Structure formats: C-alpha cells, structure tokens
C-alpha cells in the first residue's frame, strides 16, 4: 500500500504489510498463560509488555500461547 493523505500511512515509515492472517476461533485469556511466558518479566504489570503495537516473542513463548488455546 502506498502512502497518501487519506490513509495516513506516512506516520509509519517502517511497517509490514500483512497479506494473510490466521485467527484463533477462541481467545486465550491472559490469566491462563501469563505465568508461563518468559518474555514478560513482571507478571503483576504484564500490560507494560503488551501495550505497544507489535511484539516479537520467541518460538517457545509462541508455543506456550498456542498450546493454551482451546
């Protein structure tokens, strides 16, 4: 997608265009997985780790999240 004045993408000079995305059929409640995730060091204030738009996590944490889904 090209930036123009109507779509506002000029604010984001670095981005990844997502062409295909798979969604879980059910959400994974954060309470069920928070204690298992290594990238979140302060479990009490986990929101600080999730407040930014994109987060890179390692494969192990990804598997923990996926295996918690129903």
PDB file of N, CA and C in Angstrom:
ATOM      1  N   UNK A   1       0.849  -1.178   0.000  1.00  0.00           N
ATOM      2  CA  UNK A   1       0.000   0.000   0.000  1.00  0.00           C
ATOM      3  C   UNK A   1       0.888   1.232   0.000  1.00  0.00           C
ATOM      4  N   UNK A   2       0.533   2.198  -0.755  1.00  0.00           N
ATOM      5  CA  UNK A   2       1.293   3.436  -0.866  1.00  0.00           C
ATOM      6  C   UNK A   2       0.663   4.501   0.023  1.00  0.00           C
ATOM      7  N   UNK A   3       1.532   5.303   0.633  1.00  0.00           N
ATOM      8  CA  UNK A   3       1.026   6.370   1.484  1.00  0.00           C
ATOM      9  C   UNK A   3       0.353   7.441   0.656  1.00  0.00           C
ATOM     10  N   UNK A   4      -0.734   7.944   1.204  1.00  0.00           N
ATOM     11  CA  UNK A   4      -1.346   9.150   0.659  1.00  0.00           C
ATOM     12  C   UNK A   4      -2.035   9.897   1.797  1.00  0.00           C
ATOM     13  N   UNK A   5      -2.556  11.033   1.529  1.00  0.00           N
ATOM     14  CA  UNK A   5      -3.113  11.867   2.594  1.00  0.00           C
ATOM     15  C   UNK A   5      -4.390  11.288   3.196  1.00  0.00           C
ATOM     16  N   UNK A   6      -5.043  10.362   2.527  1.00  0.00           N
ATOM     17  CA  UNK A   6      -6.290   9.827   3.064  1.00  0.00           C
ATOM     18  C   UNK A   6      -6.093   8.615   3.959  1.00  0.00           C
ATOM     19  N   UNK A   7      -5.011   7.841   3.754  1.00  0.00           N
ATOM     20  CA  UNK A   7      -4.855   6.644   4.583  1.00  0.00           C
ATOM     21  C   UNK A   7      -3.901   6.844   5.751  1.00  0.00           C
ATOM     22  N   UNK A   8      -3.142   7.940   5.796  1.00  0.00           N
ATOM     23  CA  UNK A   8      -2.310   8.262   6.948  1.00  0.00           C
ATOM     24  C   UNK A   8      -1.092   7.392   7.166  1.00  0.00           C
ATOM     25  N   UNK A   9      -0.691   6.588   6.197  1.00  0.00           N
ATOM     26  CA  UNK A   9       0.434   5.681   6.404  1.00  0.00           C
ATOM     27  C   UNK A   9       1.774   6.395   6.459  1.00  0.00           C
ATOM     28  N   UNK A  10       1.821   7.668   6.141  1.00  0.00           N
ATOM     29  CA  UNK A  10       3.059   8.420   6.234  1.00  0.00           C
ATOM     30  C   UNK A  10       3.586   8.505   7.657  1.00  0.00           C
ATOM     31  N   UNK A  11       2.720   8.297   8.639  1.00  0.00           N
ATOM     32  CA  UNK A  11       3.135   8.307  10.046  1.00  0.00           C
ATOM     33  C   UNK A  11       3.982   7.089  10.388  1.00  0.00           C
ATOM     34  N   UNK A  12       3.909   6.050   9.582  1.00  0.00           N
ATOM     35  CA  UNK A  12       4.578   4.788   9.871  1.00  0.00           C
ATOM     36  C   UNK A  12       5.537   4.428   8.736  1.00  0.00           C
ATOM     37  N   UNK A  13       6.760   4.973   8.762  1.00  0.00           N
ATOM     38  CA  UNK A  13       7.682   4.719   7.653  1.00  0.00           C
ATOM     39  C   UNK A  13       8.182   3.273   7.599  1.00  0.00           C
ATOM     40  N   UNK A  14       8.138   2.568   8.722  1.00  0.00           N
ATOM     41  CA  UNK A  14       8.558   1.170   8.755  1.00  0.00           C
ATOM     42  C   UNK A  14       7.358   0.341   9.162  1.00  0.00           C
ATOM     43  N   UNK A  15       6.975  -0.561   8.310  1.00  0.00           N
ATOM     44  CA  UNK A  15       5.816  -1.402   8.607  1.00  0.00           C
ATOM     45  C   UNK A  15       5.903  -2.682   7.785  1.00  0.00           C
ATOM     46  N   UNK A  16       5.087  -3.634   8.138  1.00  0.00           N
ATOM     47  CA  UNK A  16       4.978  -4.880   7.399  1.00  0.00           C
ATOM     48  C   UNK A  16       3.546  -4.996   6.918  1.00  0.00           C
ATOM     49  N   UNK A  17       3.363  -5.132   5.643  1.00  0.00           N
ATOM     50  CA  UNK A  17       2.027  -5.343   5.103  1.00  0.00           C
ATOM     51  C   UNK A  17       1.667  -6.812   5.299  1.00  0.00           C
ATOM     52  N   UNK A  18       0.566  -7.069   5.970  1.00  0.00           N
ATOM     53  CA  UNK A  18       0.115  -8.435   6.243  1.00  0.00           C
ATOM     54  C   UNK A  18      -0.826  -8.855   5.130  1.00  0.00           C
ATOM     55  N   UNK A  19      -0.473  -9.934   4.477  1.00  0.00           N
ATOM     56  CA  UNK A  19      -1.282 -10.411   3.365  1.00  0.00           C
ATOM     57  C   UNK A  19      -2.216 -11.545   3.781  1.00  0.00           C
ATOM     58  N   UNK A  20      -1.830 -12.308   4.771  1.00  0.00           N
ATOM     59  CA  UNK A  20      -2.651 -13.427   5.213  1.00  0.00           C
ATOM     60  C   UNK A  20      -2.514 -13.543   6.725  1.00  0.00           C
ATOM     61  N   UNK A  21      -3.602 -13.760   7.408  1.00  0.00           N
ATOM     62  CA  UNK A  21      -3.558 -13.881   8.853  1.00  0.00           C
ATOM     63  C   UNK A  21      -4.544 -14.958   9.293  1.00  0.00           C
ATOM     64  N   UNK A  22      -4.125 -15.763  10.233  1.00  0.00           N
ATOM     65  CA  UNK A  22      -4.999 -16.785  10.803  1.00  0.00           C
ATOM     66  C   UNK A  22      -5.352 -16.365  12.224  1.00  0.00           C
ATOM     67  N   UNK A  23      -6.611 -16.469  12.575  1.00  0.00           N
ATOM     68  CA  UNK A  23      -7.078 -16.113  13.908  1.00  0.00           C
ATOM     69  C   UNK A  23      -7.545 -17.364  14.637  1.00  0.00           C
ATOM     70  N   UNK A  24      -7.355 -17.357  15.952  1.00  0.00           N
ATOM     71  CA  UNK A  24      -7.889 -18.455  16.748  1.00  0.00           C
ATOM     72  C   UNK A  24      -9.402 -18.351  16.788  1.00  0.00           C
ATOM     73  N   UNK A  25     -10.056 -19.484  16.883  1.00  0.00           N
ATOM     74  CA  UNK A  25     -11.518 -19.462  16.953  1.00  0.00           C
ATOM     75  C   UNK A  25     -11.983 -18.964  18.322  1.00  0.00           C
ATOM     76  N   UNK A  26     -11.162 -19.155  19.356  1.00  0.00           N
ATOM     77  CA  UNK A  26     -11.474 -18.652  20.696  1.00  0.00           C
ATOM     78  C   UNK A  26     -10.275 -17.908  21.245  1.00  0.00           C
ATOM     79  N   UNK A  27     -10.539 -16.912  22.054  1.00  0.00           N
ATOM     80  CA  UNK A  27      -9.465 -16.138  22.668  1.00  0.00           C
ATOM     81  C   UNK A  27      -8.797 -16.925  23.780  1.00  0.00           C
ATOM     82  N   UNK A  28      -7.531 -16.621  24.030  1.00  0.00           N
ATOM     83  CA  UNK A  28      -6.791 -17.216  25.140  1.00  0.00           C
ATOM     84  C   UNK A  28      -6.740 -16.158  26.251  1.00  0.00           C
ATOM     85  N   UNK A  29      -7.438 -16.370  27.362  1.00  0.00           N
ATOM     86  CA  UNK A  29      -7.399 -15.398  28.454  1.00  0.00           C
ATOM     87  C   UNK A  29      -5.979 -15.244  28.989  1.00  0.00           C
ATOM     88  N   UNK A  30      -5.550 -14.011  29.196  1.00  0.00           N
ATOM     89  CA  UNK A  30      -4.185 -13.744  29.652  1.00  0.00           C
ATOM     90  C   UNK A  30      -3.895 -14.440  30.980  1.00  0.00           C
ATOM     91  N   UNK A  31      -4.896 -14.564  31.832  1.00  0.00           N
ATOM     92  CA  UNK A  31      -4.705 -15.209  33.129  1.00  0.00           C
ATOM     93  C   UNK A  31      -4.303 -16.674  33.040  1.00  0.00           C
ATOM     94  N   UNK A  32      -4.666 -17.316  31.934  1.00  0.00           N
ATOM     95  CA  UNK A  32      -4.336 -18.729  31.757  1.00  0.00           C
ATOM     96  C   UNK A  32      -2.913 -18.955  31.270  1.00  0.00           C
ATOM     97  N   UNK A  33      -2.243 -17.916  30.778  1.00  0.00           N
ATOM     98  CA  UNK A  33      -0.943 -18.117  30.150  1.00  0.00           C
ATOM     99  C   UNK A  33       0.155 -17.210  30.721  1.00  0.00           C
ATOM    100  N   UNK A  34      -0.207 -16.162  31.432  1.00  0.00           N
ATOM    101  CA  UNK A  34       0.759 -15.155  31.860  1.00  0.00           C
ATOM    102  C   UNK A  34       1.936 -15.736  32.648  1.00  0.00           C
ATOM    103  N   UNK A  35       1.673 -16.649  33.551  1.00  0.00           N
ATOM    104  CA  UNK A  35       2.751 -17.210  34.373  1.00  0.00           C
ATOM    105  C   UNK A  35       3.715 -18.085  33.582  1.00  0.00           C
ATOM    106  N   UNK A  36       3.295 -18.537  32.415  1.00  0.00           N
ATOM    107  CA  UNK A  36       4.133 -19.417  31.593  1.00  0.00           C
ATOM    108  C   UNK A  36       5.059 -18.659  30.635  1.00  0.00           C
ATOM    109  N   UNK A  37       4.783 -17.384  30.390  1.00  0.00           N
ATOM    110  CA  UNK A  37       5.511 -16.638  29.363  1.00  0.00           C
ATOM    111  C   UNK A  37       6.815 -16.056  29.896  1.00  0.00           C
ATOM    112  N   UNK A  38       7.898 -16.345  29.201  1.00  0.00           N
ATOM    113  CA  UNK A  38       9.224 -15.877  29.620  1.00  0.00           C
ATOM    114  C   UNK A  38       9.485 -14.419  29.249  1.00  0.00           C
ATOM    115  N   UNK A  39       8.871 -13.922  28.170  1.00  0.00           N
ATOM    116  CA  UNK A  39       9.178 -12.549  27.745  1.00  0.00           C
ATOM    117  C   UNK A  39       8.557 -11.505  28.670  1.00  0.00           C
ATOM    118  N   UNK A  40       7.621 -11.905  29.502  1.00  0.00           N
ATOM    119  CA  UNK A  40       7.027 -10.986  30.475  1.00  0.00           C
ATOM    120  C   UNK A  40       7.695 -11.236  31.822  1.00  0.00           C
ATOM    121  N   UNK A  41       8.555 -10.313  32.214  1.00  0.00           N
ATOM    122  CA  UNK A  41       9.335 -10.479  33.450  1.00  0.00           C
ATOM    123  C   UNK A  41       8.525 -10.092  34.685  1.00  0.00           C
ATOM    124  N   UNK A  42       7.748  -9.015  34.597  1.00  0.00           N
ATOM    125  CA  UNK A  42       6.961  -8.528  35.730  1.00  0.00           C
ATOM    126  C   UNK A  42       5.514  -8.950  35.515  1.00  0.00           C
ATOM    127  N   UNK A  43       5.144 -10.096  36.059  1.00  0.00           N
ATOM    128  CA  UNK A  43       3.816 -10.670  35.808  1.00  0.00           C
ATOM    129  C   UNK A  43       2.695  -9.783  36.338  1.00  0.00           C
ATOM    130  N   UNK A  44       2.954  -9.056  37.417  1.00  0.00           N
ATOM    131  CA  UNK A  44       1.934  -8.186  38.019  1.00  0.00           C
ATOM    132  C   UNK A  44       1.587  -7.031  37.073  1.00  0.00           C
ATOM    133  N   UNK A  45       2.572  -6.534  36.333  1.00  0.00           N
ATOM    134  CA  UNK A  45       2.377  -5.411  35.423  1.00  0.00           C
ATOM    135  C   UNK A  45       2.543  -5.845  33.966  1.00  0.00           C
ATOM    136  N   UNK A  46       1.933  -6.961  33.607  1.00  0.00           N
ATOM    137  CA  UNK A  46       2.104  -7.527  32.272  1.00  0.00           C
ATOM    138  C   UNK A  46       1.678  -6.576  31.159  1.00  0.00           C
ATOM    139  N   UNK A  47       0.766  -5.676  31.431  1.00  0.00           N
ATOM    140  CA  UNK A  47       0.287  -4.744  30.416  1.00  0.00           C
ATOM    141  C   UNK A  47       1.390  -3.875  29.837  1.00  0.00           C
ATOM    142  N   UNK A  48       2.444  -3.627  30.623  1.00  0.00           N
ATOM    143  CA  UNK A  48       3.564  -2.831  30.133  1.00  0.00           C
ATOM    144  C   UNK A  48       4.257  -3.509  28.957  1.00  0.00           C
ATOM    145  N   UNK A  49       4.213  -4.830  28.906  1.00  0.00           N
ATOM    146  CA  UNK A  49       4.858  -5.588  27.834  1.00  0.00           C
ATOM    147  C   UNK A  49       3.961  -5.713  26.600  1.00  0.00           C
ATOM    148  N   UNK A  50       2.673  -5.468  26.773  1.00  0.00           N
ATOM    149  CA  UNK A  50       1.727  -5.690  25.683  1.00  0.00           C
ATOM    150  C   UNK A  50       1.149  -4.402  25.108  1.00  0.00           C
ATOM    151  N   UNK A  51       1.556  -3.254  25.605  1.00  0.00           N
ATOM    152  CA  UNK A  51       0.915  -2.002  25.210  1.00  0.00           C
ATOM    153  C   UNK A  51       1.369  -1.460  23.858  1.00  0.00           C
ATOM    154  N   UNK A  52       2.478  -1.918  23.349  1.00  0.00           N
ATOM    155  CA  UNK A  52       2.944  -1.444  22.052  1.00  0.00           C
ATOM    156  C   UNK A  52       2.301  -2.256  20.935  1.00  0.00           C
ATOM    157  N   UNK A  53       2.342  -1.735  19.730  1.00  0.00           N
ATOM    158  CA  UNK A  53       1.611  -2.352  18.629  1.00  0.00           C
ATOM    159  C   UNK A  53       2.095  -3.748  18.257  1.00  0.00           C
ATOM    160  N   UNK A  54       3.392  -3.921  18.081  1.00  0.00           N
ATOM    161  CA  UNK A  54       3.943  -5.224  17.682  1.00  0.00           C
ATOM    162  C   UNK A  54       4.943  -5.686  18.717  1.00  0.00           C
ATOM    163  N   UNK A  55       4.959  -6.967  18.941  1.00  0.00           N
ATOM    164  CA  UNK A  55       5.881  -7.540  19.911  1.00  0.00           C
ATOM    165  C   UNK A  55       6.466  -8.806  19.304  1.00  0.00           C
ATOM    166  N   UNK A  56       7.779  -8.906  19.322  1.00  0.00           N
ATOM    167  CA  UNK A  56       8.446 -10.128  18.863  1.00  0.00           C
ATOM    168  C   UNK A  56       8.635 -11.033  20.070  1.00  0.00           C
ATOM    169  N   UNK A  57       8.150 -12.252  19.948  1.00  0.00           N
ATOM    170  CA  UNK A  57       8.348 -13.229  21.031  1.00  0.00           C
ATOM    171  C   UNK A  57       9.079 -14.427  20.451  1.00  0.00           C
ATOM    172  N   UNK A  58       9.713 -15.183  21.322  1.00  0.00           N
ATOM    173  CA  UNK A  58      10.444 -16.340  20.811  1.00  0.00           C
ATOM    174  C   UNK A  58       9.485 -17.507  20.557  1.00  0.00           C
ATOM    175  N   UNK A  59       9.995 -18.495  19.878  1.00  0.00           N
ATOM    176  CA  UNK A  59       9.175 -19.634  19.467  1.00  0.00           C
ATOM    177  C   UNK A  59       8.604 -20.380  20.672  1.00  0.00           C
ATOM    178  N   UNK A  60       9.361 -20.461  21.734  1.00  0.00           N
ATOM    179  CA  UNK A  60       8.901 -21.187  22.935  1.00  0.00           C
ATOM    180  C   UNK A  60       7.666 -20.510  23.531  1.00  0.00           C
ATOM    181  N   UNK A  61       7.699 -19.174  23.676  1.00  0.00           N
ATOM    182  CA  UNK A  61       6.527 -18.478  24.204  1.00  0.00           C
ATOM    183  C   UNK A  61       5.339 -18.600  23.255  1.00  0.00           C
ATOM    184  N   UNK A  62       5.581 -18.561  21.955  1.00  0.00           N
ATOM    185  CA  UNK A  62       4.502 -18.735  20.985  1.00  0.00           C
ATOM    186  C   UNK A  62       3.832 -20.098  21.173  1.00  0.00           C
ATOM    187  N   UNK A  63       4.638 -21.123  21.313  1.00  0.00           N
ATOM    188  CA  UNK A  63       4.085 -22.484  21.515  1.00  0.00           C
ATOM    189  C   UNK A  63       3.293 -22.557  22.804  1.00  0.00           C
ATOM    190  N   UNK A  64       3.745 -21.890  23.856  1.00  0.00           N
ATOM    191  CA  UNK A  64       3.015 -21.866  25.119  1.00  0.00           C
ATOM    192  C   UNK A  64       1.624 -21.241  24.941  1.00  0.00           C
ATOM    193  N   UNK A  65       1.564 -20.162  24.178  1.00  0.00           N
ATOM    194  CA  UNK A  65       0.287 -19.499  23.937  1.00  0.00           C
ATOM    195  C   UNK A  65      -0.636 -20.388  23.103  1.00  0.00           C
ATOM    196  N   UNK A  66      -0.091 -20.939  22.033  1.00  0.00           N
ATOM    197  CA  UNK A  66      -0.887 -21.776  21.144  1.00  0.00           C
ATOM    198  C   UNK A  66      -1.386 -23.037  21.857  1.00  0.00           C
ATOM    199  N   UNK A  67      -0.549 -23.630  22.680  1.00  0.00           N
ATOM    200  CA  UNK A  67      -0.963 -24.870  23.361  1.00  0.00           C
ATOM    201  C   UNK A  67      -1.977 -24.593  24.460  1.00  0.00           C
ATOM    202  N   UNK A  68      -2.117 -23.340  24.881  1.00  0.00           N
ATOM    203  CA  UNK A  68      -3.117 -22.986  25.883  1.00  0.00           C
ATOM    204  C   UNK A  68      -4.475 -22.792  25.245  1.00  0.00           C
ATOM    205  N   UNK A  69      -4.511 -22.498  23.948  1.00  0.00           N
ATOM    206  CA  UNK A  69      -5.797 -22.258  23.280  1.00  0.00           C
ATOM    207  C   UNK A  69      -6.623 -23.538  23.266  1.00  0.00           C
ATOM    208  N   UNK A  70      -7.905 -23.342  23.238  1.00  0.00           N
ATOM    209  CA  UNK A  70      -8.824 -24.498  23.321  1.00  0.00           C
ATOM    210  C   UNK A  70      -9.199 -25.017  21.968  1.00  0.00           C
TER     211      UNK A  70
END
